[in-house]
PDB file of N, CA and C in Angstrom:
ATOM      1  N   UNK A   1      29.565 -68.455  47.177  1.00  0.00           N
ATOM      2  CA  UNK A   1      28.854 -67.498  46.868  1.00  0.00           C
ATOM      3  C   UNK A   1      27.654 -67.660  46.116  1.00  0.00           C
ATOM      4  N   UNK A   2      26.308 -67.179  46.427  1.00  0.00           N
ATOM      5  CA  UNK A   2      25.303 -67.737  46.119  1.00  0.00           C
ATOM      6  C   UNK A   2      24.879 -67.311  45.043  1.00  0.00           C
ATOM      7  N   UNK A   3      23.988 -68.109  44.332  1.00  0.00           N
ATOM      8  CA  UNK A   3      23.783 -67.591  42.463  1.00  0.00           C
ATOM      9  C   UNK A   3      22.769 -66.489  42.701  1.00  0.00           C
ATOM     10  N   UNK A   4      22.175 -66.154  41.684  1.00  0.00           N
ATOM     11  CA  UNK A   4      21.466 -65.286  41.453  1.00  0.00           C
ATOM     12  C   UNK A   4      20.751 -65.729  40.461  1.00  0.00           C
ATOM     13  N   UNK A   5      19.312 -66.260  40.516  1.00  0.00           N
ATOM     14  CA  UNK A   5      18.516 -66.361  39.587  1.00  0.00           C
ATOM     15  C   UNK A   5      18.593 -65.298  38.281  1.00  0.00           C
ATOM     16  N   UNK A   6      18.065 -66.457  37.304  1.00  0.00           N
ATOM     17  CA  UNK A   6      18.324 -65.510  35.970  1.00  0.00           C
ATOM     18  C   UNK A   6      16.978 -64.485  35.777  1.00  0.00           C
ATOM     19  N   UNK A   7      15.883 -64.959  36.613  1.00  0.00           N
ATOM     20  CA  UNK A   7      14.891 -64.098  36.655  1.00  0.00           C
ATOM     21  C   UNK A   7      14.799 -63.154  37.145  1.00  0.00           C
ATOM     22  N   UNK A   8      15.695 -62.435  38.072  1.00  0.00           N
ATOM     23  CA  UNK A   8      16.154 -61.367  38.577  1.00  0.00           C
ATOM     24  C   UNK A   8      16.769 -60.411  37.944  1.00  0.00           C
ATOM     25  N   UNK A   9      17.471 -61.182  37.034  1.00  0.00           N
ATOM     26  CA  UNK A   9      18.621 -60.329  35.992  1.00  0.00           C
ATOM     27  C   UNK A   9      17.939 -59.816  34.716  1.00  0.00           C
ATOM     28  N   UNK A  10      17.028 -60.691  34.444  1.00  0.00           N
ATOM     29  CA  UNK A  10      16.785 -60.052  33.037  1.00  0.00           C
ATOM     30  C   UNK A  10      15.922 -58.609  33.319  1.00  0.00           C
ATOM     31  N   UNK A  11      15.432 -58.077  34.155  1.00  0.00           N
ATOM     32  CA  UNK A  11      14.834 -56.763  33.742  1.00  0.00           C
ATOM     33  C   UNK A  11      15.988 -55.750  33.872  1.00  0.00           C
ATOM     34  N   UNK A  12      16.879 -55.837  34.238  1.00  0.00           N
ATOM     35  CA  UNK A  12      18.179 -55.175  34.308  1.00  0.00           C
ATOM     36  C   UNK A  12      19.386 -55.464  32.649  1.00  0.00           C
ATOM     37  N   UNK A  13      19.175 -56.792  32.434  1.00  0.00           N
ATOM     38  CA  UNK A  13      19.342 -56.701  30.916  1.00  0.00           C
ATOM     39  C   UNK A  13      18.596 -56.465  29.899  1.00  0.00           C
ATOM     40  N   UNK A  14      17.370 -56.350  29.798  1.00  0.00           N
ATOM     41  CA  UNK A  14      16.257 -55.702  29.464  1.00  0.00           C
ATOM     42  C   UNK A  14      16.273 -54.562  29.515  1.00  0.00           C
ATOM     43  N   UNK A  15      16.500 -53.344  30.526  1.00  0.00           N
ATOM     44  CA  UNK A  15      16.753 -52.315  30.668  1.00  0.00           C
ATOM     45  C   UNK A  15      17.736 -51.932  29.867  1.00  0.00           C
ATOM     46  N   UNK A  16      18.842 -52.177  30.080  1.00  0.00           N
ATOM     47  CA  UNK A  16      19.649 -51.427  29.996  1.00  0.00           C
ATOM     48  C   UNK A  16      20.406 -51.938  27.980  1.00  0.00           C
ATOM     49  N   UNK A  17      19.415 -53.105  27.915  1.00  0.00           N
ATOM     50  CA  UNK A  17      19.269 -53.305  25.835  1.00  0.00           C
ATOM     51  C   UNK A  17      18.550 -52.027  25.698  1.00  0.00           C
ATOM     52  N   UNK A  18      17.372 -51.830  26.364  1.00  0.00           N
ATOM     53  CA  UNK A  18      16.395 -50.493  26.056  1.00  0.00           C
ATOM     54  C   UNK A  18      17.238 -49.383  25.720  1.00  0.00           C
ATOM     55  N   UNK A  19      18.293 -49.092  27.064  1.00  0.00           N
ATOM     56  CA  UNK A  19      18.586 -47.688  27.029  1.00  0.00           C
ATOM     57  C   UNK A  19      19.839 -47.726  25.850  1.00  0.00           C
ATOM     58  N   UNK A  20      20.330 -48.963  25.509  1.00  0.00           N
ATOM     59  CA  UNK A  20      21.173 -48.596  24.599  1.00  0.00           C
ATOM     60  C   UNK A  20      20.695 -48.482  22.971  1.00  0.00           C
ATOM     61  N   UNK A  21      19.590 -49.282  22.722  1.00  0.00           N
ATOM     62  CA  UNK A  21      18.663 -48.599  21.479  1.00  0.00           C
ATOM     63  C   UNK A  21      18.078 -47.229  21.606  1.00  0.00           C
ATOM     64  N   UNK A  22      17.728 -46.866  22.632  1.00  0.00           N
ATOM     65  CA  UNK A  22      17.393 -45.668  22.644  1.00  0.00           C
ATOM     66  C   UNK A  22      18.484 -44.464  22.158  1.00  0.00           C
ATOM     67  N   UNK A  23      19.199 -44.862  23.136  1.00  0.00           N
ATOM     68  CA  UNK A  23      20.576 -44.093  22.889  1.00  0.00           C
ATOM     69  C   UNK A  23      21.609 -43.980  21.416  1.00  0.00           C
ATOM     70  N   UNK A  24      20.805 -45.588  20.801  1.00  0.00           N
ATOM     71  CA  UNK A  24      21.162 -45.154  19.179  1.00  0.00           C
ATOM     72  C   UNK A  24      20.009 -44.771  18.196  1.00  0.00           C
ATOM     73  N   UNK A  25      19.054 -44.750  18.987  1.00  0.00           N
ATOM     74  CA  UNK A  25      18.135 -44.103  18.109  1.00  0.00           C
ATOM     75  C   UNK A  25      18.265 -42.652  18.509  1.00  0.00           C
ATOM     76  N   UNK A  26      18.793 -42.075  19.612  1.00  0.00           N
ATOM     77  CA  UNK A  26      19.001 -40.776  19.250  1.00  0.00           C
ATOM     78  C   UNK A  26      19.782 -39.837  17.878  1.00  0.00           C
ATOM     79  N   UNK A  27      20.962 -40.752  18.380  1.00  0.00           N
ATOM     80  CA  UNK A  27      22.166 -40.198  17.263  1.00  0.00           C
ATOM     81  C   UNK A  27      21.984 -40.614  15.697  1.00  0.00           C
ATOM     82  N   UNK A  28      20.873 -40.914  15.960  1.00  0.00           N
ATOM     83  CA  UNK A  28      20.724 -41.327  14.174  1.00  0.00           C
ATOM     84  C   UNK A  28      19.717 -39.709  13.467  1.00  0.00           C
ATOM     85  N   UNK A  29      20.043 -39.133  12.136  1.00  0.00           N
ATOM     86  CA  UNK A  29      19.387 -38.261  11.785  1.00  0.00           C
ATOM     87  C   UNK A  29      18.002 -37.995  11.086  1.00  0.00           C
ATOM     88  N   UNK A  30      17.341 -37.440  11.010  1.00  0.00           N
ATOM     89  CA  UNK A  30      15.838 -37.667  10.716  1.00  0.00           C
ATOM     90  C   UNK A  30      15.831 -38.070   9.149  1.00  0.00           C
ATOM     91  N   UNK A  31      14.847 -38.810   8.655  1.00  0.00           N
ATOM     92  CA  UNK A  31      14.805 -39.379   7.636  1.00  0.00           C
ATOM     93  C   UNK A  31      14.874 -38.639   6.652  1.00  0.00           C
ATOM     94  N   UNK A  32      13.878 -37.358   6.482  1.00  0.00           N
ATOM     95  CA  UNK A  32      13.522 -36.557   5.880  1.00  0.00           C
ATOM     96  C   UNK A  32      13.819 -34.892   6.304  1.00  0.00           C
ATOM     97  N   UNK A  33      13.738 -34.206   5.300  1.00  0.00           N
ATOM     98  CA  UNK A  33      14.202 -33.260   5.583  1.00  0.00           C
ATOM     99  C   UNK A  33      12.743 -32.100   6.004  1.00  0.00           C
ATOM    100  N   UNK A  34      12.241 -31.397   7.023  1.00  0.00           N
ATOM    101  CA  UNK A  34      11.168 -30.915   7.764  1.00  0.00           C
ATOM    102  C   UNK A  34      11.263 -29.462   7.208  1.00  0.00           C
ATOM    103  N   UNK A  35      10.236 -29.352   6.368  1.00  0.00           N
ATOM    104  CA  UNK A  35      10.054 -28.440   5.760  1.00  0.00           C
ATOM    105  C   UNK A  35       9.109 -27.589   6.352  1.00  0.00           C
ATOM    106  N   UNK A  36       9.769 -25.748   7.174  1.00  0.00           N
ATOM    107  CA  UNK A  36       8.799 -24.754   8.259  1.00  0.00           C
ATOM    108  C   UNK A  36       7.316 -24.587   7.116  1.00  0.00           C
ATOM    109  N   UNK A  37       6.239 -24.335   8.266  1.00  0.00           N
ATOM    110  CA  UNK A  37       5.426 -24.449   7.542  1.00  0.00           C
ATOM    111  C   UNK A  37       3.999 -22.761   7.809  1.00  0.00           C
ATOM    112  N   UNK A  38       3.545 -22.111   7.235  1.00  0.00           N
ATOM    113  CA  UNK A  38       2.544 -21.360   8.062  1.00  0.00           C
ATOM    114  C   UNK A  38       3.571 -19.934   7.873  1.00  0.00           C
ATOM    115  N   UNK A  39       3.482 -19.373   8.573  1.00  0.00           N
ATOM    116  CA  UNK A  39       4.349 -17.832   8.518  1.00  0.00           C
ATOM    117  C   UNK A  39       5.988 -18.072   8.240  1.00  0.00           C
ATOM    118  N   UNK A  40       6.710 -19.508   8.873  1.00  0.00           N
ATOM    119  CA  UNK A  40       7.914 -19.378   8.808  1.00  0.00           C
ATOM    120  C   UNK A  40       7.863 -19.597   7.144  1.00  0.00           C
ATOM    121  N   UNK A  41       7.260 -20.266   6.743  1.00  0.00           N
ATOM    122  CA  UNK A  41       7.395 -20.664   5.016  1.00  0.00           C
ATOM    123  C   UNK A  41       7.200 -19.647   4.004  1.00  0.00           C
ATOM    124  N   UNK A  42       6.758 -18.288   4.870  1.00  0.00           N
ATOM    125  CA  UNK A  42       6.171 -17.132   4.330  1.00  0.00           C
ATOM    126  C   UNK A  42       4.581 -17.337   3.737  1.00  0.00           C
ATOM    127  N   UNK A  43       3.789 -18.127   3.687  1.00  0.00           N
ATOM    128  CA  UNK A  43       2.691 -18.473   3.285  1.00  0.00           C
ATOM    129  C   UNK A  43       1.755 -17.428   4.284  1.00  0.00           C
ATOM    130  N   UNK A  44       0.468 -17.994   3.594  1.00  0.00           N
ATOM    131  CA  UNK A  44      -0.558 -17.310   3.956  1.00  0.00           C
ATOM    132  C   UNK A  44      -0.975 -18.373   5.369  1.00  0.00           C
ATOM    133  N   UNK A  45      -1.782 -17.936   6.519  1.00  0.00           N
ATOM    134  CA  UNK A  45      -2.223 -18.834   7.264  1.00  0.00           C
ATOM    135  C   UNK A  45      -2.828 -18.562   7.294  1.00  0.00           C
ATOM    136  N   UNK A  46      -4.091 -17.491   6.819  1.00  0.00           N
ATOM    137  CA  UNK A  46      -5.787 -17.687   6.958  1.00  0.00           C
ATOM    138  C   UNK A  46      -5.859 -16.667   8.189  1.00  0.00           C
ATOM    139  N   UNK A  47      -5.540 -15.523   7.743  1.00  0.00           N
ATOM    140  CA  UNK A  47      -5.677 -14.257   8.738  1.00  0.00           C
ATOM    141  C   UNK A  47      -6.640 -14.082   8.380  1.00  0.00           C
ATOM    142  N   UNK A  48      -7.912 -13.100   9.518  1.00  0.00           N
ATOM    143  CA  UNK A  48      -8.931 -12.243   9.055  1.00  0.00           C
ATOM    144  C   UNK A  48      -8.844 -11.167   8.026  1.00  0.00           C
ATOM    145  N   UNK A  49      -9.519 -10.597   7.279  1.00  0.00           N
ATOM    146  CA  UNK A  49      -9.809  -9.815   6.354  1.00  0.00           C
ATOM    147  C   UNK A  49      -9.132  -8.504   7.710  1.00  0.00           C
ATOM    148  N   UNK A  50      -9.673  -8.370   8.619  1.00  0.00           N
ATOM    149  CA  UNK A  50      -9.595  -7.323   9.024  1.00  0.00           C
ATOM    150  C   UNK A  50      -7.892  -6.836   9.764  1.00  0.00           C
ATOM    151  N   UNK A  51      -7.357  -7.687   9.562  1.00  0.00           N
ATOM    152  CA  UNK A  51      -5.967  -7.711   9.943  1.00  0.00           C
ATOM    153  C   UNK A  51      -4.943  -7.363   8.865  1.00  0.00           C
ATOM    154  N   UNK A  52      -4.490  -5.952   9.132  1.00  0.00           N
ATOM    155  CA  UNK A  52      -3.555  -5.401   7.805  1.00  0.00           C
ATOM    156  C   UNK A  52      -2.182  -6.066   7.729  1.00  0.00           C
ATOM    157  N   UNK A  53      -2.141  -6.680   6.385  1.00  0.00           N
ATOM    158  CA  UNK A  53      -1.165  -7.651   6.594  1.00  0.00           C
ATOM    159  C   UNK A  53       0.385  -6.809   6.724  1.00  0.00           C
ATOM    160  N   UNK A  54       0.140  -5.682   5.564  1.00  0.00           N
ATOM    161  CA  UNK A  54       1.594  -4.407   5.248  1.00  0.00           C
ATOM    162  C   UNK A  54       2.423  -4.213   6.931  1.00  0.00           C
ATOM    163  N   UNK A  55       0.904  -3.721   7.902  1.00  0.00           N
ATOM    164  CA  UNK A  55       1.112  -3.035   8.426  1.00  0.00           C
ATOM    165  C   UNK A  55       1.758  -3.972   9.913  1.00  0.00           C
ATOM    166  N   UNK A  56       0.865  -5.465   9.912  1.00  0.00           N
ATOM    167  CA  UNK A  56       1.461  -5.851  11.018  1.00  0.00           C
ATOM    168  C   UNK A  56       2.230  -7.181  10.161  1.00  0.00           C
ATOM    169  N   UNK A  57       3.340  -7.046   9.628  1.00  0.00           N
ATOM    170  CA  UNK A  57       4.176  -7.619   9.222  1.00  0.00           C
ATOM    171  C   UNK A  57       5.002  -8.104  10.243  1.00  0.00           C
ATOM    172  N   UNK A  58       5.080  -9.777  10.223  1.00  0.00           N
ATOM    173  CA  UNK A  58       5.765 -10.240  11.591  1.00  0.00           C
ATOM    174  C   UNK A  58       5.558 -10.191  12.803  1.00  0.00           C
ATOM    175  N   UNK A  59       4.393  -9.882  12.793  1.00  0.00           N
ATOM    176  CA  UNK A  59       3.195  -9.911  14.491  1.00  0.00           C
ATOM    177  C   UNK A  59       2.585 -10.439  14.359  1.00  0.00           C
ATOM    178  N   UNK A  60       2.059 -11.587  15.581  1.00  0.00           N
ATOM    179  CA  UNK A  60       1.416 -11.961  15.540  1.00  0.00           C
ATOM    180  C   UNK A  60       0.381 -11.726  16.329  1.00  0.00           C
ATOM    181  N   UNK A  61      -0.847 -12.215  15.277  1.00  0.00           N
ATOM    182  CA  UNK A  61      -2.325 -10.958  15.735  1.00  0.00           C
ATOM    183  C   UNK A  61      -2.911 -11.228  16.495  1.00  0.00           C
ATOM    184  N   UNK A  62      -2.900 -12.684  17.271  1.00  0.00           N
ATOM    185  CA  UNK A  62      -3.376 -12.657  18.209  1.00  0.00           C
ATOM    186  C   UNK A  62      -3.091 -12.423  19.777  1.00  0.00           C
ATOM    187  N   UNK A  63      -1.843 -12.087  19.803  1.00  0.00           N
ATOM    188  CA  UNK A  63      -1.056 -11.782  20.452  1.00  0.00           C
ATOM    189  C   UNK A  63      -1.092 -10.553  20.612  1.00  0.00           C
ATOM    190  N   UNK A  64      -1.606  -9.586  19.742  1.00  0.00           N
ATOM    191  CA  UNK A  64      -1.598  -8.322  19.167  1.00  0.00           C
ATOM    192  C   UNK A  64      -2.933  -7.919  19.748  1.00  0.00           C
ATOM    193  N   UNK A  65      -3.914  -8.935  20.388  1.00  0.00           N
ATOM    194  CA  UNK A  65      -5.174  -8.906  20.503  1.00  0.00           C
ATOM    195  C   UNK A  65      -6.653  -8.412  19.317  1.00  0.00           C
ATOM    196  N   UNK A  66      -5.991  -8.786  18.056  1.00  0.00           N
ATOM    197  CA  UNK A  66      -6.961  -9.061  16.905  1.00  0.00           C
ATOM    198  C   UNK A  66      -7.536 -10.363  16.502  1.00  0.00           C
ATOM    199  N   UNK A  67      -8.547 -10.410  15.835  1.00  0.00           N
ATOM    200  CA  UNK A  67      -9.546 -11.444  16.348  1.00  0.00           C
ATOM    201  C   UNK A  67      -9.014 -11.592  14.729  1.00  0.00           C
ATOM    202  N   UNK A  68      -8.791 -13.499  14.613  1.00  0.00           N
ATOM    203  CA  UNK A  68      -8.280 -14.324  13.443  1.00  0.00           C
ATOM    204  C   UNK A  68      -9.490 -15.441  13.425  1.00  0.00           C
ATOM    205  N   UNK A  69      -9.808 -15.832  11.660  1.00  0.00           N
ATOM    206  CA  UNK A  69     -10.623 -16.384  11.341  1.00  0.00           C
ATOM    207  C   UNK A  69     -10.135 -17.526  10.784  1.00  0.00           C
ATOM    208  N   UNK A  70     -10.134 -18.648  10.913  1.00  0.00           N
ATOM    209  CA  UNK A  70      -9.582 -19.672   9.641  1.00  0.00           C
ATOM    210  C   UNK A  70     -10.739 -20.196   9.144  1.00  0.00           C
ATOM    211  N   UNK A  71     -10.337 -20.829   7.762  1.00  0.00           N
ATOM    212  CA  UNK A  71     -10.900 -21.776   6.811  1.00  0.00           C
ATOM    213  C   UNK A  71     -12.408 -22.264   7.554  1.00  0.00           C
ATOM    214  N   UNK A  72     -12.057 -22.963   9.087  1.00  0.00           N
ATOM    215  CA  UNK A  72     -13.413 -24.000   9.302  1.00  0.00           C
ATOM    216  C   UNK A  72     -14.489 -23.332   9.287  1.00  0.00           C
ATOM    217  N   UNK A  73     -15.375 -24.103   9.534  1.00  0.00           N
ATOM    218  CA  UNK A  73     -17.029 -23.987   9.703  1.00  0.00           C
ATOM    219  C   UNK A  73     -17.503 -25.030  11.099  1.00  0.00           C
ATOM    220  N   UNK A  74     -18.650 -24.360  12.098  1.00  0.00           N
ATOM    221  CA  UNK A  74     -18.485 -25.054  12.840  1.00  0.00           C
ATOM    222  C   UNK A  74     -19.590 -26.073  12.375  1.00  0.00           C
ATOM    223  N   UNK A  75     -19.510 -27.493  13.069  1.00  0.00           N
ATOM    224  CA  UNK A  75     -20.127 -28.549  13.185  1.00  0.00           C
ATOM    225  C   UNK A  75     -21.690 -28.450  12.922  1.00  0.00           C
ATOM    226  N   UNK A  76     -21.800 -29.385  12.372  1.00  0.00           N
ATOM    227  CA  UNK A  76     -23.943 -29.977  12.579  1.00  0.00           C
ATOM    228  C   UNK A  76     -24.328 -30.635  12.962  1.00  0.00           C
ATOM    229  N   UNK A  77     -23.551 -31.614  14.073  1.00  0.00           N
ATOM    230  CA  UNK A  77     -23.937 -32.303  14.693  1.00  0.00           C
ATOM    231  C   UNK A  77     -25.393 -31.331  15.972  1.00  0.00           C
ATOM    232  N   UNK A  78     -26.058 -32.063  16.118  1.00  0.00           N
ATOM    233  CA  UNK A  78     -27.164 -31.517  16.771  1.00  0.00           C
ATOM    234  C   UNK A  78     -27.119 -32.409  18.438  1.00  0.00           C
ATOM    235  N   UNK A  79     -27.429 -31.925  19.131  1.00  0.00           N
ATOM    236  CA  UNK A  79     -27.485 -32.573  20.502  1.00  0.00           C
ATOM    237  C   UNK A  79     -26.731 -31.953  21.530  1.00  0.00           C
ATOM    238  N   UNK A  80     -26.994 -32.793  22.932  1.00  0.00           N
ATOM    239  CA  UNK A  80     -25.693 -31.849  23.775  1.00  0.00           C
ATOM    240  C   UNK A  80     -24.413 -32.915  23.851  1.00  0.00           C
ATOM    241  N   UNK A  81     -23.091 -32.080  24.223  1.00  0.00           N
ATOM    242  CA  UNK A  81     -22.048 -32.360  24.905  1.00  0.00           C
ATOM    243  C   UNK A  81     -22.229 -32.737  26.035  1.00  0.00           C
ATOM    244  N   UNK A  82     -22.535 -33.944  26.685  1.00  0.00           N
ATOM    245  CA  UNK A  82     -21.857 -34.241  28.117  1.00  0.00           C
ATOM    246  C   UNK A  82     -20.704 -34.465  29.075  1.00  0.00           C
ATOM    247  N   UNK A  83     -19.851 -33.513  28.455  1.00  0.00           N
ATOM    248  CA  UNK A  83     -18.671 -34.022  28.794  1.00  0.00           C
ATOM    249  C   UNK A  83     -17.991 -35.057  29.014  1.00  0.00           C
ATOM    250  N   UNK A  84     -17.005 -35.249  28.812  1.00  0.00           N
ATOM    251  CA  UNK A  84     -16.049 -36.433  28.943  1.00  0.00           C
ATOM    252  C   UNK A  84     -16.660 -38.002  29.476  1.00  0.00           C
ATOM    253  N   UNK A  85     -17.316 -38.114  31.311  1.00  0.00           N
ATOM    254  CA  UNK A  85     -17.700 -38.655  31.285  1.00  0.00           C
ATOM    255  C   UNK A  85     -19.100 -38.908  31.927  1.00  0.00           C
ATOM    256  N   UNK A  86     -19.896 -38.202  31.083  1.00  0.00           N
ATOM    257  CA  UNK A  86     -21.638 -37.743  31.237  1.00  0.00           C
ATOM    258  C   UNK A  86     -21.625 -36.687  32.341  1.00  0.00           C
ATOM    259  N   UNK A  87     -22.846 -36.444  32.234  1.00  0.00           N
ATOM    260  CA  UNK A  87     -23.713 -35.619  32.556  1.00  0.00           C
ATOM    261  C   UNK A  87     -23.098 -35.736  34.455  1.00  0.00           C
ATOM    262  N   UNK A  88     -23.294 -36.580  35.102  1.00  0.00           N
ATOM    263  CA  UNK A  88     -22.906 -37.043  36.300  1.00  0.00           C
ATOM    264  C   UNK A  88     -21.697 -37.879  36.455  1.00  0.00           C
ATOM    265  N   UNK A  89     -20.965 -37.221  35.435  1.00  0.00           N
ATOM    266  CA  UNK A  89     -19.889 -37.772  35.769  1.00  0.00           C
ATOM    267  C   UNK A  89     -18.894 -39.148  36.399  1.00  0.00           C
ATOM    268  N   UNK A  90     -20.255 -40.169  35.880  1.00  0.00           N
ATOM    269  CA  UNK A  90     -19.670 -41.160  36.415  1.00  0.00           C
ATOM    270  C   UNK A  90     -19.494 -42.413  35.418  1.00  0.00           C
ATOM    271  N   UNK A  91     -19.467 -41.798  33.931  1.00  0.00           N
ATOM    272  CA  UNK A  91     -18.670 -42.907  32.963  1.00  0.00           C
ATOM    273  C   UNK A  91     -19.997 -43.327  31.917  1.00  0.00           C
ATOM    274  N   UNK A  92     -20.890 -42.931  32.268  1.00  0.00           N
ATOM    275  CA  UNK A  92     -21.843 -43.477  31.608  1.00  0.00           C
ATOM    276  C   UNK A  92     -22.898 -42.524  31.171  1.00  0.00           C
ATOM    277  N   UNK A  93     -23.066 -42.594  29.270  1.00  0.00           N
ATOM    278  CA  UNK A  93     -23.248 -41.386  28.800  1.00  0.00           C
ATOM    279  C   UNK A  93     -24.733 -41.989  28.648  1.00  0.00           C
TER     280      UNK A  93
END
């Protein structure tokens, strides 16, 4: 019977160990209770003033085709945004 080198068994042993650890991790309960946010918690999500909240209670204004604005502002940075890879798309900006 030929001997199998230990180096060829190591990936199998490590993989099986990781699967066991992953299974144990999945069986654990979350450490804290996750609380709902926004509409699920009954709070205001920053809908625009033109949306009548009493009339549209329980509806998503975006899906209804109404414009909503949030509390954010446009950035003040000047210049151009030459995509992710630059204007010539070669990774050099």
